[in-house]
């Protein structure tokens, strides 16, 4: 029987001594093969391409006080870092349910956790938005502990094909689930200047909201569609042309980050989804159940704080965090993406 000759696929070559683009970082994208490279990147305070470093792991575990035999919830699976640590605490007794809206990363994480020995007997992964958390009550009578990490995973941010950041050229998408809804590029085609300005203020406290929204809509009206991350970045730069030269670079950088954040929150309905989740959360928790939530910007934190306070006043939560818990200085130095993190907790009465 004649065998087809396999063609050898060469890896992407890069110029210079270090890879710069996502595709060129072939060692970081194969952590199982290049562990020394992964460790080196993390030691320098970076996040390896295609990976996500979990934040506040010890603080979360200290609060949740997970016991073998309990039933838990990871409302935002992501890379699975928090889930793997919670599963360790269960010691193969009990069950963890994990949710994610991103079908691309969810599949990879399921395979990764299965390779660590966590199968269906102890871990149930569902392609489900955490706003629909009450659907799990058909499978369980409630949770002893729950975690929601509201940050966007590094794997999503770093992959230019997902369009989550101005740092890489890619399609302006920003959807957590690219199979649903409309992209950020499509959203910009059907929005008024006052609406976009309001979005930038409400979702990211953007001080140059009027200037940025005016330029974006002006470009689109001229027929210059904004369909890539770079085109949006250039529109922000154009809007801030009057900022003093010595401050412009840093101002543009911060405004770009806030503009992308505001659009991401909008296309994924993140505030509405979070409000629904927070409203349903007490109903899926067992008496004495412990809840930890990580937020990454003021809008999210306000919603969590107000929800916890209201349910505490109503006697539904017996205790809530009086102050936010933040990552240690050591963790922030090791992982720059931890710096904006706030953790709040509540206990079901």
Protein backbone atom coordinates (compact mmCIF):
# COMPACT_ATOMS: atom_id res chain seq x y z
CA UNK A 1 0.00 0.00 0.00
CA UNK A 2 1.48 3.32 -1.08
CA UNK A 3 1.98 5.83 1.76
CA UNK A 4 1.65 9.56 1.24
CA UNK A 5 4.80 11.45 2.00
CA UNK A 6 4.28 13.86 4.90
CA UNK A 7 5.50 17.40 4.29
CA UNK A 8 7.44 18.92 7.16
CA UNK A 9 5.88 22.16 8.36
CA UNK A 10 8.56 24.57 9.48
CA UNK A 11 7.92 26.85 12.41
CA UNK A 12 7.50 30.59 11.89
CA UNK A 13 10.87 32.34 11.64
CA UNK A 14 11.48 35.69 13.28
CA UNK A 15 14.01 38.48 12.84
CA UNK A 16 16.48 39.40 15.57
CA UNK A 17 17.23 37.52 18.77
CA UNK A 18 13.72 37.42 20.29
CA UNK A 19 10.27 36.60 18.90
CA UNK A 20 7.90 39.57 18.88
CA UNK A 21 4.57 38.44 17.45
CA UNK A 22 2.20 35.92 18.99
CA UNK A 23 2.74 33.34 16.23
CA UNK A 24 6.54 33.54 16.57
CA UNK A 25 6.52 32.62 20.27
CA UNK A 26 6.50 28.89 19.50
CA UNK A 27 8.26 27.94 22.75
CA UNK A 28 5.77 29.81 24.96
CA UNK A 29 2.91 28.24 23.02
CA UNK A 30 4.22 24.77 23.90
CA UNK A 31 4.64 24.91 27.72
CA UNK A 32 4.75 21.13 28.04
CA UNK A 33 7.86 21.06 25.84
CA UNK A 34 9.66 24.27 26.83
CA UNK A 35 9.16 24.54 30.59
CA UNK A 36 12.42 26.43 31.11
CA UNK A 37 11.29 29.19 28.73
CA UNK A 38 7.96 29.47 30.55
CA UNK A 39 9.69 29.83 33.93
CA UNK A 40 12.05 32.48 32.53
CA UNK A 41 9.18 34.61 31.17
CA UNK A 42 7.26 34.39 34.47
CA UNK A 43 10.37 35.23 36.53
CA UNK A 44 10.76 38.42 34.50
CA UNK A 45 7.18 39.44 35.38
CA UNK A 46 5.64 38.49 32.04
CA UNK A 47 2.82 36.16 31.03
CA UNK A 48 3.83 33.50 28.46
CA UNK A 49 1.89 33.62 25.20
CA UNK A 50 -1.19 31.40 25.28
CA UNK A 51 -1.14 31.16 29.08
CA UNK A 52 -2.85 32.90 31.97
CA UNK A 53 -1.40 33.36 35.44
CA UNK A 54 -4.14 33.13 38.08
CA UNK A 55 -4.39 36.01 40.54
CA UNK A 56 -4.95 35.98 44.33
CA UNK A 57 -4.89 32.17 44.42
CA UNK A 58 -3.83 31.87 48.07
CA UNK A 59 -6.17 34.66 49.22
CA UNK A 60 -9.08 32.88 47.49
CA UNK A 61 -8.25 29.48 48.96
CA UNK A 62 -7.77 30.98 52.45
CA UNK A 63 -11.24 32.48 52.31
CA UNK A 64 -13.16 29.66 50.59
CA UNK A 65 -11.89 27.05 53.11
CA UNK A 66 -12.68 24.20 50.70
CA UNK A 67 -13.24 20.80 52.29
CA UNK A 68 -13.16 17.36 50.61
CA UNK A 69 -16.67 16.28 49.65
CA UNK A 70 -18.00 19.78 48.97
CA UNK A 71 -19.62 21.04 45.76
CA UNK A 72 -18.14 24.15 44.20
CA UNK A 73 -18.48 26.54 41.28
CA UNK A 74 -15.87 28.28 39.13
CA UNK A 75 -18.12 30.70 37.25
CA UNK A 76 -15.33 31.78 34.89
CA UNK A 77 -13.10 28.82 33.97
CA UNK A 78 -10.61 30.57 31.67
CA UNK A 79 -7.20 28.87 31.67
CA UNK A 80 -8.29 26.69 34.61
CA UNK A 81 -5.66 27.90 37.07
CA UNK A 82 -8.11 28.62 39.88
CA UNK A 83 -10.10 25.47 39.09
CA UNK A 84 -7.03 23.24 39.36
CA UNK A 85 -6.18 24.67 42.80
CA UNK A 86 -9.77 24.23 44.03
CA UNK A 87 -9.79 20.65 42.73
CA UNK A 88 -6.60 19.97 44.70
CA UNK A 89 -8.41 21.06 47.86
CA UNK A 90 -11.29 18.63 47.14
CA UNK A 91 -8.80 15.73 47.18
CA UNK A 92 -10.87 13.68 44.67
CA UNK A 93 -13.97 13.95 46.88
CA UNK A 94 -16.90 16.18 45.94
CA UNK A 95 -17.46 18.00 42.67
CA UNK A 96 -16.58 21.23 40.86
CA UNK A 97 -18.73 22.85 38.19
CA UNK A 98 -16.94 25.26 35.85
CA UNK A 99 -18.52 27.63 33.31
CA UNK A 100 -17.15 29.53 30.32
CA UNK A 101 -18.67 31.41 27.39
CA UNK A 102 -15.54 31.08 25.24
CA UNK A 103 -15.79 27.82 23.24
CA UNK A 104 -12.25 28.18 21.91
CA UNK A 105 -10.41 28.38 25.24
CA UNK A 106 -12.89 26.14 27.08
CA UNK A 107 -12.00 23.16 24.89
CA UNK A 108 -8.26 23.66 25.48
CA UNK A 109 -8.73 24.00 29.24
CA UNK A 110 -10.90 20.90 29.44
CA UNK A 111 -8.15 18.88 27.73
CA UNK A 112 -5.49 20.43 29.98
CA UNK A 113 -7.38 19.59 33.19
CA UNK A 114 -8.19 16.09 31.94
CA UNK A 115 -4.46 15.59 31.41
CA UNK A 116 -3.98 16.49 35.08
CA UNK A 117 -6.38 13.69 36.05
CA UNK A 118 -9.56 15.73 36.52
CA UNK A 119 -12.32 13.96 34.59
CA UNK A 120 -16.11 14.04 34.58
CA UNK A 121 -16.26 12.21 37.93
CA UNK A 122 -15.09 15.33 39.78
CA UNK A 123 -15.27 18.15 37.22
CA UNK A 124 -18.20 19.24 35.04
CA UNK A 125 -17.36 21.93 32.47
CA UNK A 126 -20.30 23.69 30.85
CA UNK A 127 -20.40 26.10 27.89
CA UNK A 128 -22.66 28.46 29.79
CA UNK A 129 -22.74 32.16 30.60
CA UNK A 130 -22.65 32.64 34.35
CA UNK A 131 -25.81 34.74 34.07
CA UNK A 132 -27.53 31.36 33.56
CA UNK A 133 -25.98 29.83 36.69
CA UNK A 134 -29.43 28.82 38.00
CA UNK A 135 -29.62 26.19 35.23
CA UNK A 136 -27.13 24.13 37.24
CA UNK A 137 -29.75 23.55 39.94
CA UNK A 138 -31.08 20.76 37.75
CA UNK A 139 -27.77 18.97 38.37
CA UNK A 140 -26.96 19.93 41.97
CA UNK A 141 -28.72 21.17 45.10
CA UNK A 142 -26.38 24.16 45.45
CA UNK A 143 -22.78 25.15 46.10
CA UNK A 144 -20.62 25.24 49.21
CA UNK A 145 -18.20 27.65 47.54
CA UNK A 146 -18.12 29.81 44.42
CA UNK A 147 -15.55 31.91 42.58
CA UNK A 148 -15.98 34.42 39.75
CA UNK A 149 -12.84 35.95 38.23
CA UNK A 150 -14.17 38.77 36.05
CA UNK A 151 -10.91 39.49 34.24
CA UNK A 152 -10.33 38.70 30.57
CA UNK A 153 -7.84 35.84 30.28
CA UNK A 154 -4.36 36.52 28.98
CA UNK A 155 -4.87 33.88 26.26
CA UNK A 156 -7.66 36.02 24.80
CA UNK A 157 -5.77 39.31 25.15
CA UNK A 158 -2.54 37.98 23.63
CA UNK A 159 -4.06 36.25 20.61
CA UNK A 160 -4.29 38.89 17.84
CA UNK A 161 -7.02 36.92 16.07
CA UNK A 162 -9.40 37.74 18.95
CA UNK A 163 -8.89 41.52 18.62
CA UNK A 164 -8.81 42.28 22.35
CA UNK A 165 -5.91 44.73 22.40
CA UNK A 166 -4.42 47.63 20.47
CA UNK A 167 -0.93 46.14 20.94
CA UNK A 168 -1.38 43.63 18.11
CA UNK A 169 -2.82 43.98 14.60
CA UNK A 170 -6.00 41.94 14.26
CA UNK A 171 -9.72 42.06 13.50
CA UNK A 172 -11.65 44.37 15.85
CA UNK A 173 -13.82 41.66 17.38
CA UNK A 174 -13.70 41.68 21.22
CA UNK A 175 -16.39 39.00 21.67
CA UNK A 176 -15.76 36.44 24.42
CA UNK A 177 -17.86 34.04 22.38
CA UNK A 178 -17.09 34.75 18.70
CA UNK A 179 -20.04 32.55 17.69
CA UNK A 180 -22.62 34.94 19.21
CA UNK A 181 -23.60 38.57 18.88
CA UNK A 182 -21.85 41.22 16.77
CA UNK A 183 -18.20 42.26 16.70
CA UNK A 184 -16.93 45.61 17.97
CA UNK A 185 -16.32 46.66 14.35
CA UNK A 186 -19.99 46.01 13.52
CA UNK A 187 -21.10 47.80 16.68
CA UNK A 188 -19.29 50.97 15.62
CA UNK A 189 -21.21 51.02 12.33
CA UNK A 190 -24.52 51.36 14.17
CA UNK A 191 -23.86 53.83 16.98
CA UNK A 192 -24.32 57.58 17.41
CA UNK A 193 -21.66 59.94 18.71
CA UNK A 194 -23.51 60.68 22.00
CA UNK A 195 -24.07 56.95 22.57
CA UNK A 196 -20.40 56.11 21.97
CA UNK A 197 -19.30 58.99 24.20
CA UNK A 198 -21.60 57.74 26.97
CA UNK A 199 -20.26 54.19 26.55
CA UNK A 200 -16.66 55.37 26.95
CA UNK A 201 -17.54 57.30 30.11
CA UNK A 202 -19.74 54.64 31.72
CA UNK A 203 -17.64 51.58 30.87
CA UNK A 204 -14.13 52.94 31.36
CA UNK A 205 -14.20 56.50 32.79
CA UNK A 206 -12.48 57.79 29.64
CA UNK A 207 -11.60 61.50 30.12
CA UNK A 208 -11.34 62.11 26.35
CA UNK A 209 -14.62 60.38 25.53
CA UNK A 210 -16.01 63.27 23.48
CA UNK A 211 -12.86 63.71 21.36
CA UNK A 212 -12.45 59.97 20.72
CA UNK A 213 -16.11 59.32 19.87
CA UNK A 214 -16.18 62.33 17.53
CA UNK A 215 -13.12 61.19 15.55
CA UNK A 216 -14.27 57.55 15.35
CA UNK A 217 -17.67 58.48 13.95
CA UNK A 218 -16.13 61.07 11.62
CA UNK A 219 -13.77 58.46 10.15
CA UNK A 220 -16.62 56.00 9.60
CA UNK A 221 -18.80 58.67 7.93
CA UNK A 222 -15.91 59.43 5.56
CA UNK A 223 -15.93 55.77 4.49
CA UNK A 224 -12.86 54.84 6.55
CA UNK A 225 -14.31 51.77 8.26
CA UNK A 226 -12.65 50.81 11.54
CA UNK A 227 -12.39 47.03 11.25
CA UNK A 228 -8.97 46.32 12.80
CA UNK A 229 -7.33 46.96 16.16
CA UNK A 230 -4.70 49.19 14.54
CA UNK A 231 -7.32 51.35 12.82
CA UNK A 232 -9.03 51.96 16.17
CA UNK A 233 -5.70 52.79 17.78
CA UNK A 234 -4.94 55.33 15.03
CA UNK A 235 -8.36 56.94 15.53
CA UNK A 236 -7.62 57.38 19.25
CA UNK A 237 -4.21 58.86 18.40
CA UNK A 238 -5.85 61.30 15.99
CA UNK A 239 -8.37 62.32 18.66
CA UNK A 240 -5.60 63.15 21.13
CA UNK A 241 -3.40 65.13 18.74
CA UNK A 242 -3.77 68.26 20.90
CA UNK A 243 -2.44 66.61 24.04
CA UNK A 244 1.01 68.11 24.85
CA UNK A 245 3.76 66.16 23.08
CA UNK A 246 5.55 65.14 26.29
CA UNK A 247 2.35 63.52 27.64
CA UNK A 248 0.85 62.24 24.39
CA UNK A 249 2.43 58.76 24.20
CA UNK A 250 1.32 57.72 27.69
CA UNK A 251 -2.10 59.37 27.31
CA UNK A 252 -2.75 57.57 24.01
CA UNK A 253 -1.69 54.26 25.57
CA UNK A 254 -4.13 54.64 28.48
CA UNK A 255 -6.98 55.92 26.31
CA UNK A 256 -6.51 53.03 23.87
CA UNK A 257 -6.74 50.54 26.73
CA UNK A 258 -9.88 52.23 28.08
CA UNK A 259 -11.49 52.44 24.62
CA UNK A 260 -10.95 48.72 23.99
CA UNK A 261 -12.27 47.95 27.48
CA UNK A 262 -15.41 50.03 26.95
CA UNK A 263 -16.17 48.33 23.63
CA UNK A 264 -15.48 44.86 25.05
CA UNK A 265 -17.88 45.48 27.94
CA UNK A 266 -20.52 46.69 25.50
CA UNK A 267 -20.38 43.91 22.89
CA UNK A 268 -20.43 41.23 25.61
CA UNK A 269 -23.11 42.99 27.73
CA UNK A 270 -20.76 42.48 30.67
CA UNK A 271 -22.50 44.75 33.20
CA UNK A 272 -25.95 43.33 32.45
CA UNK A 273 -24.61 39.77 32.64
CA UNK A 274 -22.84 40.49 35.95
CA UNK A 275 -25.97 42.06 37.46
CA UNK A 276 -28.01 38.99 36.52
CA UNK A 277 -25.38 36.66 37.98
CA UNK A 278 -25.19 38.60 41.25
CA UNK A 279 -28.99 38.55 41.53
CA UNK A 280 -29.16 34.77 41.08
CA UNK A 281 -26.08 33.94 43.16
CA UNK A 282 -27.73 33.66 46.61
CA UNK A 283 -30.27 31.17 45.22
CA UNK A 284 -27.58 28.71 44.11
CA UNK A 285 -25.56 28.83 47.33
CA UNK A 286 -26.04 26.50 50.29
CA UNK A 287 -26.38 27.92 53.79
CA UNK A 288 -22.91 29.02 54.89
CA UNK A 289 -21.69 28.93 51.28
CA UNK A 290 -18.68 31.14 50.58
CA UNK A 291 -18.40 33.44 47.54
CA UNK A 292 -15.26 35.20 46.24
CA UNK A 293 -15.30 37.61 43.29
CA UNK A 294 -12.31 39.23 41.57
CA UNK A 295 -12.93 42.52 39.75
CA UNK A 296 -10.58 44.56 37.55
CA UNK A 297 -12.17 47.98 37.15
CA UNK A 298 -14.37 50.34 39.13
CA UNK A 299 -17.61 49.58 37.27
CA UNK A 300 -17.49 45.89 38.11
CA UNK A 301 -16.42 46.52 41.69
CA UNK A 302 -19.33 48.94 42.26
CA UNK A 303 -21.85 46.35 41.08
CA UNK A 304 -20.39 43.61 43.30
CA UNK A 305 -20.13 45.91 46.33
CA UNK A 306 -23.73 47.16 46.01
CA UNK A 307 -25.12 43.65 45.49
CA UNK A 308 -23.27 42.25 48.51
CA UNK A 309 -24.35 45.20 50.68
CA UNK A 310 -28.02 44.90 49.67
CA UNK A 311 -28.23 41.18 50.33
CA UNK A 312 -26.39 41.69 53.63
CA UNK A 313 -28.95 44.32 54.73
CA UNK A 314 -31.73 41.91 53.79
CA UNK A 315 -30.14 39.15 55.90
CA UNK A 316 -29.45 36.92 52.89
CA UNK A 317 -25.67 37.19 53.34
CA UNK A 318 -24.53 36.74 56.94
CA UNK A 319 -21.14 38.39 56.34
CA UNK A 320 -19.52 40.44 53.59
CA UNK A 321 -16.08 41.94 53.06
CA UNK A 322 -15.80 45.38 54.65
CA UNK A 323 -12.71 46.21 52.62
CA UNK A 324 -11.35 44.87 49.34
CA UNK A 325 -8.49 42.38 49.38
CA UNK A 326 -5.67 43.19 46.96
CA UNK A 327 -2.81 41.06 45.62
CA UNK A 328 0.50 41.41 47.44
CA UNK A 329 3.21 43.73 46.11
CA UNK A 330 5.25 40.61 45.37
CA UNK A 331 2.48 39.17 43.20
CA UNK A 332 2.03 42.48 41.35
CA UNK A 333 5.75 42.60 40.62
CA UNK A 334 5.62 39.04 39.31
CA UNK A 335 2.42 39.60 37.31
CA UNK A 336 1.69 43.16 36.17
CA UNK A 337 -1.89 42.20 35.24
CA UNK A 338 -2.64 41.71 38.96
CA UNK A 339 -2.25 45.39 39.84
CA UNK A 340 -5.87 46.46 39.29
CA UNK A 341 -7.38 43.41 41.01
CA UNK A 342 -9.86 43.73 43.88
CA UNK A 343 -11.35 40.76 45.72
CA UNK A 344 -14.65 40.91 47.61
CA UNK A 345 -16.32 38.07 49.47
CA UNK A 346 -19.68 37.13 50.97
CA UNK A 347 -21.09 34.27 53.05
CA UNK A 348 -24.64 32.95 52.49
CA UNK A 349 -26.81 33.20 55.58
